[in-house]
Amino acid sequence: MKDLIYNALLSVVNRDYVLMDCPYHANLGDHLIWEGTLCALKRLPYKCLYTSSVEYWQEDKIKDGDLILICGGGNFGDVWPRHQELRRLLMERYPNSTFVHLPQTMRYSDEVTLRSDIDLFSQNKERVVIMLRDQRSYDFAKEHFSDNNIMLVPDMAFAMDIPNIYLSSPQTERVVYIRRRDHELSENADQLVPSDVPVRDWPTYESLPLVRHLVYVVGGPIRHLLPRRYYCSYMDWAYKHILHPYYIRAAYSFIVKFDKVYTTRLHAGLLAHFLGKDVIIVDNNYGKMRAVWDTWIKDSRD
């Protein structure tokens, strides 16, 4: 999987780059994607010029003509609109840039939005690369975004370098049901899990960690007393050097405690799979998890 990701990146990343739409939030799954992205990009002979998120990016940090990489995930389309809005905005602001959308699930429920995006992306044609992380999304993109460079590439979390300490964890015989709480939760999800299994979510959603509060407390004076660019730069630094490493450790420390994992969260399932756990996926409401699982892991079961 790492080689598939590396070879895909090698074919389209040919100079220093900008990395956008990094997850400045508490979803540990998105941080696993970011971590895999960093691990894969380290293998390339190029450097990152600038890193930021949908909330804190600064227009003058990016030059028209830069190579812009956009973090992967499950937000290409209209399921999580603000991330798609960022894509549109970047393409409009930097018309001479090349855009590489790292592996995504593509999902549209609104035909008007789909047609609008097809028109925008087709205007850029060869300067837009769209990587899809499952066969179903790839087939959909090949049909509707045929003017662009469409690639089937594993989710970036597959590129993570997993510390040996977590690979050699003792058996616990503990079971957990990791249940998401947002609008992607399937109506019948709970019916697929034994009623006596303890229910959890990512721990950072159950209670925001102290380190996260400290980062925002320290940033308060910067935000209120200085121009916005200073606060944005501070948040870029804090997430890259403090919160992202913390969240990665939190994800490992959480999953490693269990031997069997029922999960409605894709990356909780992937991380558990990487760590050798027994994983039972409980699909979301439009089949995202099953699509990724069947494309790269196979032998999935609900």
Protein backbone atom coordinates (compact mmCIF):
# COMPACT_ATOMS: atom_id res chain seq x y z
CA MET A 1 0.00 0.00 0.00
CA LYS A 2 2.82 2.39 0.86
CA ASP A 3 4.43 1.76 -2.52
CA LEU A 4 1.15 2.33 -4.35
CA ILE A 5 0.76 5.67 -2.58
CA TYR A 6 4.40 6.65 -3.11
CA ASN A 7 4.31 5.83 -6.83
CA ALA A 8 1.09 7.78 -7.26
CA LEU A 9 2.58 10.82 -5.55
CA LEU A 10 5.80 10.49 -7.52
CA SER A 11 3.85 10.70 -10.76
CA VAL A 12 2.22 14.05 -9.95
CA VAL A 13 4.33 15.80 -7.28
CA ASN A 14 7.32 17.15 -9.19
CA ARG A 15 8.36 20.20 -7.16
CA ASP A 16 7.95 21.89 -3.77
CA TYR A 17 4.33 22.10 -2.73
CA VAL A 18 1.68 23.60 -0.47
CA LEU A 19 -0.46 21.26 1.70
CA MET A 20 -3.96 22.52 2.35
CA ASP A 21 -7.12 21.50 4.24
CA CYS A 22 -5.24 19.86 7.08
CA PRO A 23 -7.53 18.80 9.95
CA TYR A 24 -7.43 21.47 12.61
CA HIS A 25 -10.05 19.67 14.67
CA ALA A 26 -10.43 16.72 17.04
CA ASN A 27 -11.38 13.97 14.57
CA LEU A 28 -8.56 11.47 15.10
CA GLY A 29 -9.34 9.72 11.84
CA ASP A 30 -8.48 12.82 9.86
CA HIS A 31 -5.24 13.11 11.79
CA LEU A 32 -4.36 9.55 10.79
CA ILE A 33 -4.86 10.63 7.17
CA TRP A 34 -2.62 13.66 7.75
CA GLU A 35 0.02 11.48 9.41
CA GLY A 36 0.07 9.07 6.50
CA THR A 37 0.35 12.01 4.14
CA LEU A 38 3.37 13.37 6.00
CA CYS A 39 5.02 9.94 6.02
CA ALA A 40 4.48 9.49 2.27
CA LEU A 41 5.62 12.98 1.33
CA LYS A 42 8.83 12.56 3.33
CA ARG A 43 9.91 9.99 0.76
CA LEU A 44 9.80 12.59 -2.01
CA PRO A 45 12.72 14.95 -2.75
CA TYR A 46 10.60 18.06 -2.30
CA LYS A 47 9.66 20.29 0.60
CA CYS A 48 6.42 21.70 1.92
CA LEU A 49 6.25 25.46 1.45
CA TYR A 50 3.16 26.06 3.56
CA THR A 51 0.60 24.05 5.55
CA SER A 52 -2.82 25.21 6.71
CA SER A 53 -6.49 24.39 7.13
CA VAL A 54 -9.88 25.46 5.86
CA GLU A 55 -10.18 27.93 8.77
CA TYR A 56 -6.78 29.60 9.02
CA TRP A 57 -5.14 29.72 5.61
CA GLN A 58 -3.66 33.00 4.42
CA GLU A 59 -4.02 33.98 0.80
CA ASP A 60 -0.62 35.68 0.54
CA LYS A 61 1.20 32.52 1.68
CA ILE A 62 0.32 30.84 -1.63
CA LYS A 63 1.54 32.00 -5.02
CA ASP A 64 -0.42 31.53 -8.22
CA GLY A 65 1.37 28.71 -9.97
CA ASP A 66 2.25 26.79 -6.80
CA LEU A 67 1.62 23.07 -6.66
CA ILE A 68 -1.25 22.73 -4.19
CA LEU A 69 -1.96 19.42 -2.49
CA ILE A 70 -5.29 19.07 -0.70
CA CYS A 71 -5.59 16.56 2.12
CA GLY A 72 -7.61 13.43 1.52
CA GLY A 73 -10.65 12.18 3.39
CA GLY A 74 -14.36 11.81 2.87
CA ASN A 75 -15.34 15.33 1.89
CA PHE A 76 -15.20 15.56 -1.91
CA GLY A 77 -18.72 16.52 -2.92
CA ASP A 78 -21.59 17.87 -0.86
CA VAL A 79 -21.47 15.78 2.35
CA TRP A 80 -19.16 18.28 4.11
CA PRO A 81 -19.69 21.48 2.06
CA ARG A 82 -17.07 23.82 3.52
CA HIS A 83 -14.22 21.59 2.35
CA GLN A 84 -15.56 21.56 -1.20
CA GLU A 85 -16.01 25.32 -0.98
CA LEU A 86 -12.31 25.61 -0.13
CA ARG A 87 -11.43 23.60 -3.23
CA ARG A 88 -13.50 25.88 -5.41
CA LEU A 89 -12.07 29.01 -3.81
CA LEU A 90 -8.46 27.87 -4.22
CA MET A 91 -9.01 27.01 -7.87
CA GLU A 92 -10.55 30.43 -8.47
CA ARG A 93 -7.87 32.36 -6.57
CA TYR A 94 -4.91 30.52 -8.13
CA PRO A 95 -5.92 29.80 -11.73
CA ASN A 96 -2.38 28.88 -12.81
CA SER A 97 -1.74 26.41 -10.01
CA THR A 98 -1.81 22.64 -10.26
CA PHE A 99 -4.11 20.92 -7.77
CA VAL A 100 -3.66 17.40 -6.45
CA HIS A 101 -6.63 16.21 -4.43
CA LEU A 102 -5.23 13.42 -2.27
CA PRO A 103 -7.31 10.20 -1.89
CA GLN A 104 -10.95 10.99 -1.28
CA THR A 105 -14.37 9.43 -1.17
CA MET A 106 -16.53 11.25 -3.73
CA ARG A 107 -20.18 11.69 -2.87
CA TYR A 108 -22.85 13.97 -4.35
CA SER A 109 -26.53 13.97 -3.49
CA ASP A 110 -27.36 17.21 -5.31
CA GLU A 111 -27.27 17.18 -9.10
CA VAL A 112 -26.92 20.95 -9.39
CA THR A 113 -23.82 20.98 -7.18
CA LEU A 114 -22.34 18.10 -9.15
CA ARG A 115 -22.85 19.87 -12.49
CA SER A 116 -21.36 23.07 -11.13
CA ASP A 117 -18.25 21.24 -9.93
CA ILE A 118 -17.87 19.37 -13.20
CA ASP A 119 -17.88 22.70 -15.06
CA LEU A 120 -15.32 24.26 -12.71
CA PHE A 121 -12.97 21.29 -12.70
CA SER A 122 -13.19 20.81 -16.45
CA GLN A 123 -11.97 24.37 -16.99
CA ASN A 124 -8.68 23.37 -15.39
CA LYS A 125 -8.45 19.91 -17.01
CA GLU A 126 -4.88 18.61 -16.89
CA ARG A 127 -3.97 20.85 -13.93
CA VAL A 128 -6.35 18.98 -11.66
CA VAL A 129 -5.54 15.52 -10.27
CA ILE A 130 -8.26 13.76 -8.30
CA MET A 131 -7.22 10.69 -6.32
CA LEU A 132 -10.04 8.43 -5.16
CA ARG A 133 -9.64 5.95 -2.33
CA ASP A 134 -12.26 3.40 -3.36
CA GLN A 135 -13.38 1.75 -6.57
CA ARG A 136 -16.90 3.14 -6.46
CA SER A 137 -15.70 6.75 -6.12
CA TYR A 138 -13.13 6.14 -8.85
CA ASP A 139 -15.76 4.85 -11.26
CA PHE A 140 -18.02 7.80 -10.47
CA ALA A 141 -15.19 10.30 -11.01
CA LYS A 142 -14.12 8.67 -14.29
CA GLU A 143 -17.66 9.10 -15.54
CA HIS A 144 -18.30 12.66 -14.37
CA PHE A 145 -14.84 14.29 -14.16
CA SER A 146 -13.37 12.68 -17.26
CA ASP A 147 -11.50 15.86 -18.28
CA ASN A 148 -9.27 15.57 -15.21
CA ASN A 149 -6.53 13.15 -14.19
CA ILE A 150 -8.38 10.52 -12.15
CA MET A 151 -6.39 8.02 -10.06
CA LEU A 152 -7.31 5.14 -7.76
CA VAL A 153 -5.01 5.40 -4.71
CA PRO A 154 -5.28 3.90 -1.18
CA ASP A 155 -6.33 6.11 1.70
CA MET A 156 -3.28 8.03 2.94
CA ALA A 157 -3.54 6.39 6.37
CA PHE A 158 -2.08 3.26 4.74
CA ALA A 159 1.22 5.16 4.45
CA MET A 160 1.65 5.64 8.20
CA ASP A 161 4.78 4.35 9.90
CA ILE A 162 3.36 2.43 12.87
CA PRO A 163 5.53 2.40 16.03
CA ASN A 164 6.58 -1.09 17.09
CA ILE A 165 5.38 -0.48 20.63
CA TYR A 166 1.79 -0.60 19.42
CA LEU A 167 2.31 -3.61 17.16
CA SER A 168 3.47 -5.74 20.09
CA SER A 169 0.67 -4.84 22.52
CA PRO A 170 -0.67 -7.65 24.78
CA GLN A 171 -4.10 -9.17 24.24
CA THR A 172 -6.86 -7.66 26.36
CA GLU A 173 -10.05 -9.52 25.33
CA ARG A 174 -11.77 -6.14 25.45
CA VAL A 175 -14.48 -5.23 22.93
CA VAL A 176 -15.72 -1.78 21.90
CA TYR A 177 -18.32 -0.25 19.61
CA ILE A 178 -16.98 3.03 18.19
CA ARG A 179 -20.07 4.97 17.23
CA ARG A 180 -20.00 8.25 15.35
CA ARG A 181 -22.53 10.90 16.30
CA ASP A 182 -22.90 12.99 13.15
CA HIS A 183 -25.16 12.90 10.11
CA GLU A 184 -23.22 10.03 8.50
CA LEU A 185 -24.45 7.54 11.10
CA SER A 186 -26.69 4.89 9.52
CA GLU A 187 -30.19 4.54 10.96
CA ASN A 188 -29.75 0.81 11.59
CA ALA A 189 -26.13 0.94 12.80
CA ASP A 190 -26.91 0.04 16.40
CA GLN A 191 -28.91 -3.02 15.34
CA LEU A 192 -25.74 -4.57 13.89
CA VAL A 193 -23.82 -4.54 17.18
CA PRO A 194 -24.49 -6.73 20.25
CA SER A 195 -26.28 -4.70 22.88
CA ASP A 196 -23.80 -5.56 25.63
CA VAL A 197 -20.78 -4.06 23.82
CA PRO A 198 -19.55 -0.80 25.44
CA VAL A 199 -20.15 2.24 23.23
CA ARG A 200 -17.44 4.86 22.69
CA ASP A 201 -16.45 7.49 20.18
CA TRP A 202 -13.02 8.95 19.53
CA PRO A 203 -11.94 10.06 23.04
CA THR A 204 -11.26 13.58 21.78
CA TYR A 205 -14.95 13.88 20.93
CA GLU A 206 -16.02 12.62 24.33
CA SER A 207 -13.84 15.17 26.12
CA LEU A 208 -11.53 17.73 24.55
CA PRO A 209 -8.01 17.21 25.94
CA LEU A 210 -6.31 19.72 28.20
CA VAL A 211 -3.56 20.36 25.67
CA ARG A 212 -6.16 21.51 23.17
CA HIS A 213 -7.61 23.97 25.69
CA LEU A 214 -4.12 25.28 26.47
CA VAL A 215 -3.36 25.86 22.79
CA TYR A 216 -6.50 27.95 22.38
CA VAL A 217 -6.01 29.79 25.69
CA VAL A 218 -2.47 30.79 24.71
CA GLY A 219 -3.77 31.84 21.30
CA GLY A 220 -6.45 34.09 22.81
CA PRO A 221 -4.30 37.21 23.27
CA ILE A 222 -2.77 36.72 19.81
CA ARG A 223 -6.22 36.50 18.30
CA HIS A 224 -7.59 39.60 20.02
CA LEU A 225 -4.58 41.91 20.11
CA LEU A 226 -2.72 41.27 16.86
CA PRO A 227 -3.68 41.18 13.17
CA ARG A 228 -5.34 37.95 12.09
CA ARG A 229 -2.29 36.69 10.20
CA TYR A 230 -0.41 36.22 13.47
CA TYR A 231 -3.16 34.06 14.93
CA CYS A 232 -3.39 31.99 11.75
CA SER A 233 0.38 31.42 11.78
CA TYR A 234 0.21 30.45 15.45
CA MET A 235 -2.56 27.91 14.80
CA ASP A 236 -0.61 26.45 11.86
CA TRP A 237 2.38 25.98 14.16
CA ALA A 238 0.36 24.67 17.11
CA TYR A 239 -1.51 22.05 15.13
CA LYS A 240 1.54 20.83 13.26
CA HIS A 241 3.90 20.63 16.24
CA ILE A 242 1.64 20.12 19.29
CA LEU A 243 -1.90 18.98 18.59
CA HIS A 244 -1.36 16.70 15.60
CA PRO A 245 1.36 14.62 17.33
CA TYR A 246 -0.80 14.47 20.45
CA TYR A 247 -3.84 13.31 18.48
CA ILE A 248 -1.86 10.57 16.75
CA ARG A 249 -0.68 9.22 20.10
CA ALA A 250 -4.26 9.45 21.40
CA ALA A 251 -5.57 7.38 18.48
CA TYR A 252 -3.01 4.63 19.01
CA SER A 253 -3.46 4.60 22.79
CA PHE A 254 -7.22 4.28 22.40
CA ILE A 255 -7.40 1.53 19.78
CA VAL A 256 -4.59 -0.58 21.20
CA LYS A 257 -6.62 -1.27 24.34
CA PHE A 258 -9.14 -3.44 22.49
CA ASP A 259 -8.94 -6.80 20.75
CA LYS A 260 -12.26 -6.56 18.92
CA VAL A 261 -13.61 -3.37 17.40
CA TYR A 262 -17.04 -2.69 15.98
CA THR A 263 -16.81 0.68 14.30
CA THR A 264 -18.81 3.24 12.37
CA ARG A 265 -15.63 5.28 11.90
CA LEU A 266 -13.50 4.27 8.93
CA HIS A 267 -10.11 5.14 10.40
CA ALA A 268 -10.81 3.57 13.75
CA GLY A 269 -11.36 0.40 11.72
CA LEU A 270 -8.26 0.92 9.59
CA LEU A 271 -6.04 1.59 12.60
CA ALA A 272 -7.44 -1.45 14.39
CA HIS A 273 -6.77 -3.50 11.25
CA PHE A 274 -3.18 -2.22 11.07
CA LEU A 275 -2.71 -3.26 14.72
CA GLY A 276 -4.01 -6.76 14.10
CA LYS A 277 -7.36 -6.39 15.84
CA ASP A 278 -10.60 -8.14 14.90
CA VAL A 279 -12.57 -5.47 13.03
CA ILE A 280 -16.27 -5.44 12.21
CA ILE A 281 -17.23 -2.42 10.12
CA VAL A 282 -20.67 -0.90 10.59
CA ASP A 283 -21.13 1.12 7.42
CA ASN A 284 -22.15 4.76 7.29
CA ASN A 285 -25.31 5.94 5.58
CA TYR A 286 -23.92 5.99 2.04
CA GLY A 287 -21.50 3.06 2.00
CA LYS A 288 -18.20 4.90 2.45
CA MET A 289 -16.62 2.38 4.80
CA ARG A 290 -17.57 -0.72 2.83
CA ALA A 291 -16.31 0.85 -0.40
CA VAL A 292 -12.84 1.53 1.02
CA TRP A 293 -12.69 -1.80 2.82
CA ASP A 294 -13.67 -3.85 -0.21
CA THR A 295 -11.28 -1.99 -2.50
CA TRP A 296 -8.14 -2.54 -0.42
CA ILE A 297 -8.79 -5.05 2.38
CA LYS A 298 -11.59 -7.30 1.09
CA ASP A 299 -13.36 -9.89 3.20
CA SER A 300 -15.49 -7.22 4.86
CA ARG A 301 -18.56 -8.05 6.85
CA ASP A 302 -21.33 -5.98 8.39
